[in-house]
Structures are given as C-alpha cells and as structure tokens.
Amino acid sequence: MREHGVIRRAILVYRNIASKLRAKPASVDPDLLRRTATLFRTFGEDYHEKKLEETHIFPTIKKAGGPAAAYVDVLIAQHQRGRELTDFVLAKAGKGSIAASDAEALAGVLDGFELMYAHHAVREDTIVFPAWKDALLAHQLDEIGDLFEEIERQQFGKDGFEDAVAQIAQIEQALGIADIAQFTPPPPPKG
C-alpha cells in the first residue's frame, strides 16, 4: 500500500523534531509539527486506517483466519493509541510555541509513535497485506482496488496520495531533510 510511504515520511519528520526538541526546543517550528500531525490525521488515520484497513482489510483477514488474523486486534488498538498520540501532538503544537517544559514529554511521545508504527507497518506489509491479497480472488482484488480509488476521491476530491506527498515534501524541505543524500552514512571503518 503506497500510503505507508507517506506515513513513514511523516514519522521521519517526527524523529527529526524529537531530536531537535531534546537539543534545542526553541528551534522547533510548531507549525511544521502541527502540519505533519494534521497530515497524519487526515491521510494516515482518517483515510488509510479507518476507511481502508479497519473497514475493508481487517474484516477480510479476521474472516479468513490464519496467523494474520491474530494481528488484527493489536493493530486496531495501535491505531487507537496513535490517534490519542496525534491528539496530544496537535494540542502541544497548536499553542504557537512549544514550552521548554513540554519538550521532553513531546519528544517521548514522538519516539513512542515512531517505534510503534515501525513495528506496526512492517507486520502489515509482510504478514497482513499478503494474507489479505491471498484471501481474495483476482477479480475481487480489482474491485476493491477500484473501491479504494473511489474512497480516496470521495475523501480528498482528487488523488489524495499525490497531495499528501507534496505536503510532506514541503515539510521536509522546511526542516532541511529533503535531500536524502545527507543520510548516507560514511563507509565503515577499515580493518
């Protein structure tokens, strides 16, 4: 699911901001955090989680049974916890500035969010989504793909993915993390 790419990029923004909160809280632009959390809410939670996974994918997995079905309840609980964490982030970022006294707690929430979703998304990508595809016939996959595109158009009025990619790219640019070359590590030590 291409949505996970946008979600992972938002979480990388969270990682960057958490690091800045710990080093120099006053350097954090709360509007960038608010925009990221708002994007995560509308694209990740309201659209991807609620309208696709919880409405269409997870019920199919539960009905099919098997090892993937055991993940569904935990994934839904993590979606709910993520929504609580997003509420917290939006509340702190919506104040116009982030108080130094809030910096460590907010950084901890962003770290917890990142860790949860890293494990969450890889289980979906490697266990749940393959099992879901296996539970459907080819024509059912085509039909659900069309349905998902229609849901996206209804939610966003257009291709929501392209818009979400553009939004996260603007945030990354503002944070100075758009150039991925900077994240290439040096060669390992010799010997």
C-alpha atoms as a PDB file:
ATOM      1  CA  MET A   1       0.000   0.000   0.000  1.00  0.00           C
ATOM      2  CA  ARG A   2       1.536   3.240  -1.165  1.00  0.00           C
ATOM      3  CA  GLU A   3       0.040   5.113   1.784  1.00  0.00           C
ATOM      4  CA  HIS A   4       2.665   3.600   4.073  1.00  0.00           C
ATOM      5  CA  GLY A   5       5.336   5.624   2.266  1.00  0.00           C
ATOM      6  CA  VAL A   6       3.665   8.903   3.231  1.00  0.00           C
ATOM      7  CA  ILE A   7       3.094   7.652   6.770  1.00  0.00           C
ATOM      8  CA  ARG A   8       6.752   6.631   7.129  1.00  0.00           C
ATOM      9  CA  ARG A   9       7.898  10.020   5.863  1.00  0.00           C
ATOM     10  CA  ALA A  10       5.712  11.758   8.450  1.00  0.00           C
ATOM     11  CA  ILE A  11       7.252   9.579  11.131  1.00  0.00           C
ATOM     12  CA  LEU A  12      10.741  10.526   9.927  1.00  0.00           C
ATOM     13  CA  VAL A  13       9.684  14.155  10.402  1.00  0.00           C
ATOM     14  CA  TYR A  14       8.615  13.226  13.938  1.00  0.00           C
ATOM     15  CA  ARG A  15      12.053  11.655  14.532  1.00  0.00           C
ATOM     16  CA  ASN A  16      13.776  14.819  13.336  1.00  0.00           C
ATOM     17  CA  ILE A  17      11.605  17.049  15.501  1.00  0.00           C
ATOM     18  CA  ALA A  18      12.054  14.813  18.576  1.00  0.00           C
ATOM     19  CA  SER A  19      15.811  15.164  18.213  1.00  0.00           C
ATOM     20  CA  LYS A  20      15.513  18.959  17.946  1.00  0.00           C
ATOM     21  CA  LEU A  21      13.194  19.084  20.953  1.00  0.00           C
ATOM     22  CA  ARG A  22      15.871  17.392  23.036  1.00  0.00           C
ATOM     23  CA  ALA A  23      18.745  19.506  21.715  1.00  0.00           C
ATOM     24  CA  LYS A  24      17.157  22.945  21.394  1.00  0.00           C
ATOM     25  CA  PRO A  25      13.375  23.127  21.921  1.00  0.00           C
ATOM     26  CA  ALA A  26      13.174  26.751  20.780  1.00  0.00           C
ATOM     27  CA  SER A  27      14.460  25.715  17.324  1.00  0.00           C
ATOM     28  CA  VAL A  28      11.311  23.670  16.628  1.00  0.00           C
ATOM     29  CA  ASP A  29       8.733  25.330  14.417  1.00  0.00           C
ATOM     30  CA  PRO A  30       5.457  24.139  15.967  1.00  0.00           C
ATOM     31  CA  ASP A  31       3.637  24.807  12.697  1.00  0.00           C
ATOM     32  CA  LEU A  32       5.709  22.127  10.930  1.00  0.00           C
ATOM     33  CA  LEU A  33       4.820  19.666  13.690  1.00  0.00           C
ATOM     34  CA  ARG A  34       1.156  20.694  13.522  1.00  0.00           C
ATOM     35  CA  ARG A  35       1.105  20.295   9.722  1.00  0.00           C
ATOM     36  CA  THR A  36       2.711  16.864   9.968  1.00  0.00           C
ATOM     37  CA  ALA A  37       0.271  15.691  12.641  1.00  0.00           C
ATOM     38  CA  THR A  38      -2.664  17.080  10.655  1.00  0.00           C
ATOM     39  CA  LEU A  39      -1.477  15.228   7.555  1.00  0.00           C
ATOM     40  CA  PHE A  40      -1.054  12.075   9.612  1.00  0.00           C
ATOM     41  CA  ARG A  41      -4.581  12.520  10.972  1.00  0.00           C
ATOM     42  CA  THR A  42      -6.330  13.116   7.633  1.00  0.00           C
ATOM     43  CA  PHE A  43      -4.302  10.827   5.392  1.00  0.00           C
ATOM     44  CA  GLY A  44      -2.965   8.171   7.761  1.00  0.00           C
ATOM     45  CA  GLU A  45      -5.709   7.810  10.349  1.00  0.00           C
ATOM     46  CA  ASP A  46      -8.987   9.014   8.834  1.00  0.00           C
ATOM     47  CA  TYR A  47      -8.365   7.672   5.342  1.00  0.00           C
ATOM     48  CA  HIS A  48      -5.837   4.831   5.397  1.00  0.00           C
ATOM     49  CA  GLU A  49      -6.600   3.308   8.788  1.00  0.00           C
ATOM     50  CA  LYS A  50     -10.328   3.902   9.204  1.00  0.00           C
ATOM     51  CA  LYS A  51     -11.656   3.801   5.654  1.00  0.00           C
ATOM     52  CA  LEU A  52      -9.358   1.166   4.150  1.00  0.00           C
ATOM     53  CA  GLU A  53      -7.800  -1.058   6.804  1.00  0.00           C
ATOM     54  CA  GLU A  54     -10.459  -1.115   9.525  1.00  0.00           C
ATOM     55  CA  THR A  55     -13.417  -1.141   7.133  1.00  0.00           C
ATOM     56  CA  HIS A  56     -12.202  -3.453   4.362  1.00  0.00           C
ATOM     57  CA  ILE A  57      -8.877  -5.163   5.010  1.00  0.00           C
ATOM     58  CA  PHE A  58      -9.048  -6.228   8.659  1.00  0.00           C
ATOM     59  CA  PRO A  59     -12.567  -7.756   8.453  1.00  0.00           C
ATOM     60  CA  THR A  60     -11.437  -9.865   5.489  1.00  0.00           C
ATOM     61  CA  ILE A  61      -8.388 -11.033   7.445  1.00  0.00           C
ATOM     62  CA  LYS A  62     -10.492 -11.899  10.518  1.00  0.00           C
ATOM     63  CA  LYS A  63     -12.948 -13.863   8.380  1.00  0.00           C
ATOM     64  CA  ALA A  64     -10.146 -15.742   6.576  1.00  0.00           C
ATOM     65  CA  GLY A  65      -8.499 -16.719   9.869  1.00  0.00           C
ATOM     66  CA  GLY A  66      -4.956 -17.972   9.999  1.00  0.00           C
ATOM     67  CA  PRO A  67      -1.852 -16.400  11.511  1.00  0.00           C
ATOM     68  CA  ALA A  68      -2.538 -12.896  10.133  1.00  0.00           C
ATOM     69  CA  ALA A  69      -5.910 -12.741  11.906  1.00  0.00           C
ATOM     70  CA  ALA A  70      -4.129 -12.778  15.262  1.00  0.00           C
ATOM     71  CA  TYR A  71      -2.647  -9.349  14.457  1.00  0.00           C
ATOM     72  CA  VAL A  72      -5.887  -7.505  13.742  1.00  0.00           C
ATOM     73  CA  ASP A  73      -6.928  -6.670  17.315  1.00  0.00           C
ATOM     74  CA  VAL A  74      -3.447  -5.409  18.195  1.00  0.00           C
ATOM     75  CA  LEU A  75      -3.260  -3.330  15.009  1.00  0.00           C
ATOM     76  CA  ILE A  76      -6.631  -1.738  15.763  1.00  0.00           C
ATOM     77  CA  ALA A  77      -5.539  -0.999  19.343  1.00  0.00           C
ATOM     78  CA  GLN A  78      -2.382   0.607  17.960  1.00  0.00           C
ATOM     79  CA  HIS A  79      -4.462   2.703  15.558  1.00  0.00           C
ATOM     80  CA  GLN A  80      -6.432   3.969  18.541  1.00  0.00           C
ATOM     81  CA  ARG A  81      -3.290   4.697  20.542  1.00  0.00           C
ATOM     82  CA  GLY A  82      -1.858   6.514  17.535  1.00  0.00           C
ATOM     83  CA  ARG A  83      -4.976   8.709  17.422  1.00  0.00           C
ATOM     84  CA  GLU A  84      -4.500   9.550  21.105  1.00  0.00           C
ATOM     85  CA  LEU A  85      -0.865  10.433  20.455  1.00  0.00           C
ATOM     86  CA  THR A  86      -1.852  12.573  17.462  1.00  0.00           C
ATOM     87  CA  ASP A  87      -4.351  14.422  19.681  1.00  0.00           C
ATOM     88  CA  PHE A  88      -1.527  15.120  22.146  1.00  0.00           C
ATOM     89  CA  VAL A  89       0.852  16.308  19.406  1.00  0.00           C
ATOM     90  CA  LEU A  90      -1.804  18.568  17.875  1.00  0.00           C
ATOM     91  CA  ALA A  91      -2.593  20.067  21.279  1.00  0.00           C
ATOM     92  CA  LYS A  92       1.066  20.830  22.032  1.00  0.00           C
ATOM     93  CA  ALA A  93       1.870  22.084  18.510  1.00  0.00           C
ATOM     94  CA  GLY A  94      -1.274  24.200  18.339  1.00  0.00           C
ATOM     95  CA  LYS A  95      -0.163  26.559  21.095  1.00  0.00           C
ATOM     96  CA  GLY A  96       2.024  28.673  18.799  1.00  0.00           C
ATOM     97  CA  SER A  97       5.226  27.664  20.562  1.00  0.00           C
ATOM     98  CA  ILE A  98       6.412  24.600  22.384  1.00  0.00           C
ATOM     99  CA  ALA A  99       7.191  25.249  26.019  1.00  0.00           C
ATOM    100  CA  ALA A 100      10.590  24.027  27.162  1.00  0.00           C
ATOM    101  CA  SER A 101       8.770  22.193  29.959  1.00  0.00           C
ATOM    102  CA  ASP A 102       6.812  20.196  27.319  1.00  0.00           C
ATOM    103  CA  ALA A 103       9.799  19.367  25.111  1.00  0.00           C
ATOM    104  CA  GLU A 104      10.890  16.065  26.683  1.00  0.00           C
ATOM    105  CA  ALA A 105       7.355  14.695  27.029  1.00  0.00           C
ATOM    106  CA  LEU A 106       6.554  15.624  23.430  1.00  0.00           C
ATOM    107  CA  ALA A 107       9.824  14.101  22.194  1.00  0.00           C
ATOM    108  CA  GLY A 108       8.983  10.913  24.114  1.00  0.00           C
ATOM    109  CA  VAL A 109       5.540  10.747  22.518  1.00  0.00           C
ATOM    110  CA  LEU A 110       7.076  11.192  19.051  1.00  0.00           C
ATOM    111  CA  ASP A 111       9.642   8.461  19.797  1.00  0.00           C
ATOM    112  CA  GLY A 112       6.933   6.086  21.032  1.00  0.00           C
ATOM    113  CA  PHE A 113       4.828   6.825  17.980  1.00  0.00           C
ATOM    114  CA  GLU A 114       7.783   6.077  15.698  1.00  0.00           C
ATOM    115  CA  LEU A 115       8.632   2.792  17.406  1.00  0.00           C
ATOM    116  CA  MET A 116       5.027   1.572  17.444  1.00  0.00           C
ATOM    117  CA  TYR A 117       4.394   2.376  13.801  1.00  0.00           C
ATOM    118  CA  ALA A 118       7.721   0.935  12.638  1.00  0.00           C
ATOM    119  CA  HIS A 119       6.724  -2.451  14.039  1.00  0.00           C
ATOM    120  CA  HIS A 120       3.073  -1.972  13.043  1.00  0.00           C
ATOM    121  CA  ALA A 121       3.726  -1.151   9.384  1.00  0.00           C
ATOM    122  CA  VAL A 122       6.213  -3.932   8.760  1.00  0.00           C
ATOM    123  CA  ARG A 123       3.785  -6.529  10.158  1.00  0.00           C
ATOM    124  CA  GLU A 124       1.068  -5.157   7.888  1.00  0.00           C
ATOM    125  CA  ASP A 125       3.406  -5.117   4.879  1.00  0.00           C
ATOM    126  CA  THR A 126       4.845  -8.607   5.413  1.00  0.00           C
ATOM    127  CA  ILE A 127       2.012 -10.553   7.069  1.00  0.00           C
ATOM    128  CA  VAL A 128      -1.391  -8.852   6.974  1.00  0.00           C
ATOM    129  CA  PHE A 129      -1.494  -7.366   3.467  1.00  0.00           C
ATOM    130  CA  PRO A 130      -0.137 -10.525   1.768  1.00  0.00           C
ATOM    131  CA  ALA A 131      -2.715 -12.633   3.668  1.00  0.00           C
ATOM    132  CA  TRP A 132      -5.463 -10.189   2.649  1.00  0.00           C
ATOM    133  CA  LYS A 133      -4.463 -10.439  -1.017  1.00  0.00           C
ATOM    134  CA  ASP A 134      -4.340 -14.238  -0.733  1.00  0.00           C
ATOM    135  CA  ALA A 135      -7.869 -14.255   0.739  1.00  0.00           C
ATOM    136  CA  LEU A 136      -9.322 -12.528  -2.330  1.00  0.00           C
ATOM    137  CA  LEU A 137      -9.802 -13.742  -5.883  1.00  0.00           C
ATOM    138  CA  ALA A 138      -8.217 -11.737  -8.717  1.00  0.00           C
ATOM    139  CA  HIS A 139     -11.497 -10.067  -9.697  1.00  0.00           C
ATOM    140  CA  GLN A 140     -12.159  -9.185  -6.033  1.00  0.00           C
ATOM    141  CA  LEU A 141      -8.762  -7.506  -5.791  1.00  0.00           C
ATOM    142  CA  ASP A 142      -9.570  -5.489  -8.918  1.00  0.00           C
ATOM    143  CA  GLU A 143     -12.947  -4.477  -7.484  1.00  0.00           C
ATOM    144  CA  ILE A 144     -11.504  -3.479  -4.113  1.00  0.00           C
ATOM    145  CA  GLY A 145      -8.747  -1.508  -5.864  1.00  0.00           C
ATOM    146  CA  ASP A 146     -11.424   0.449  -7.730  1.00  0.00           C
ATOM    147  CA  LEU A 147     -13.349   0.931  -4.481  1.00  0.00           C
ATOM    148  CA  PHE A 148     -10.228   2.218  -2.713  1.00  0.00           C
ATOM    149  CA  GLU A 149      -9.655   4.739  -5.525  1.00  0.00           C
ATOM    150  CA  GLU A 150     -13.264   5.904  -5.209  1.00  0.00           C
ATOM    151  CA  ILE A 151     -12.913   6.255  -1.432  1.00  0.00           C
ATOM    152  CA  GLU A 152      -9.765   8.333  -1.990  1.00  0.00           C
ATOM    153  CA  ARG A 153     -11.574  10.625  -4.442  1.00  0.00           C
ATOM    154  CA  GLN A 154     -14.506  10.999  -2.034  1.00  0.00           C
ATOM    155  CA  GLN A 155     -12.186  11.758   0.891  1.00  0.00           C
ATOM    156  CA  PHE A 156      -9.902  14.204  -0.875  1.00  0.00           C
ATOM    157  CA  GLY A 157     -11.751  15.246  -4.034  1.00  0.00           C
ATOM    158  CA  LYS A 158      -8.807  14.066  -6.127  1.00  0.00           C
ATOM    159  CA  ASP A 159      -5.720  11.902  -5.804  1.00  0.00           C
ATOM    160  CA  GLY A 160      -5.073  12.279  -2.093  1.00  0.00           C
ATOM    161  CA  PHE A 161      -1.782  10.417  -2.307  1.00  0.00           C
ATOM    162  CA  GLU A 162      -0.197  12.963  -4.640  1.00  0.00           C
ATOM    163  CA  ASP A 163      -1.378  15.813  -2.417  1.00  0.00           C
ATOM    164  CA  ALA A 164      -0.057  14.079   0.718  1.00  0.00           C
ATOM    165  CA  VAL A 165       3.325  13.503  -0.958  1.00  0.00           C
ATOM    166  CA  ALA A 166       3.510  17.191  -1.884  1.00  0.00           C
ATOM    167  CA  GLN A 167       2.610  18.242   1.678  1.00  0.00           C
ATOM    168  CA  ILE A 168       5.200  16.032   3.345  1.00  0.00           C
ATOM    169  CA  ALA A 169       7.835  17.124   0.811  1.00  0.00           C
ATOM    170  CA  GLN A 170       7.218  20.782   1.744  1.00  0.00           C
ATOM    171  CA  ILE A 171       7.598  19.956   5.438  1.00  0.00           C
ATOM    172  CA  GLU A 172      10.812  18.004   4.793  1.00  0.00           C
ATOM    173  CA  GLN A 173      12.188  20.911   2.774  1.00  0.00           C
ATOM    174  CA  ALA A 174      11.430  23.363   5.590  1.00  0.00           C
ATOM    175  CA  LEU A 175      13.182  21.069   8.098  1.00  0.00           C
ATOM    176  CA  GLY A 176      16.232  20.608   5.873  1.00  0.00           C
ATOM    177  CA  ILE A 177      15.722  16.855   5.493  1.00  0.00           C
ATOM    178  CA  ALA A 178      14.505  16.747   1.875  1.00  0.00           C
ATOM    179  CA  ASP A 179      17.922  15.831   0.427  1.00  0.00           C
ATOM    180  CA  ILE A 180      18.252  12.137   1.212  1.00  0.00           C
ATOM    181  CA  ALA A 181      21.953  12.128   0.314  1.00  0.00           C
ATOM    182  CA  GLN A 182      22.676  13.633   3.743  1.00  0.00           C
ATOM    183  CA  PHE A 183      21.516  10.394   5.349  1.00  0.00           C
ATOM    184  CA  THR A 184      24.050   8.201   3.539  1.00  0.00           C
ATOM    185  CA  PRO A 185      26.459   7.041   6.230  1.00  0.00           C
ATOM    186  CA  PRO A 186      30.211   7.187   5.765  1.00  0.00           C
ATOM    187  CA  PRO A 187      31.959   3.984   4.765  1.00  0.00           C
ATOM    188  CA  PRO A 188      32.619   1.537   7.583  1.00  0.00           C
ATOM    189  CA  PRO A 189      35.982   1.686   9.313  1.00  0.00           C
ATOM    190  CA  LYS A 190      38.751  -0.265   7.604  1.00  0.00           C
ATOM    191  CA  GLY A 191      40.156  -3.263   9.308  1.00  0.00           C
END
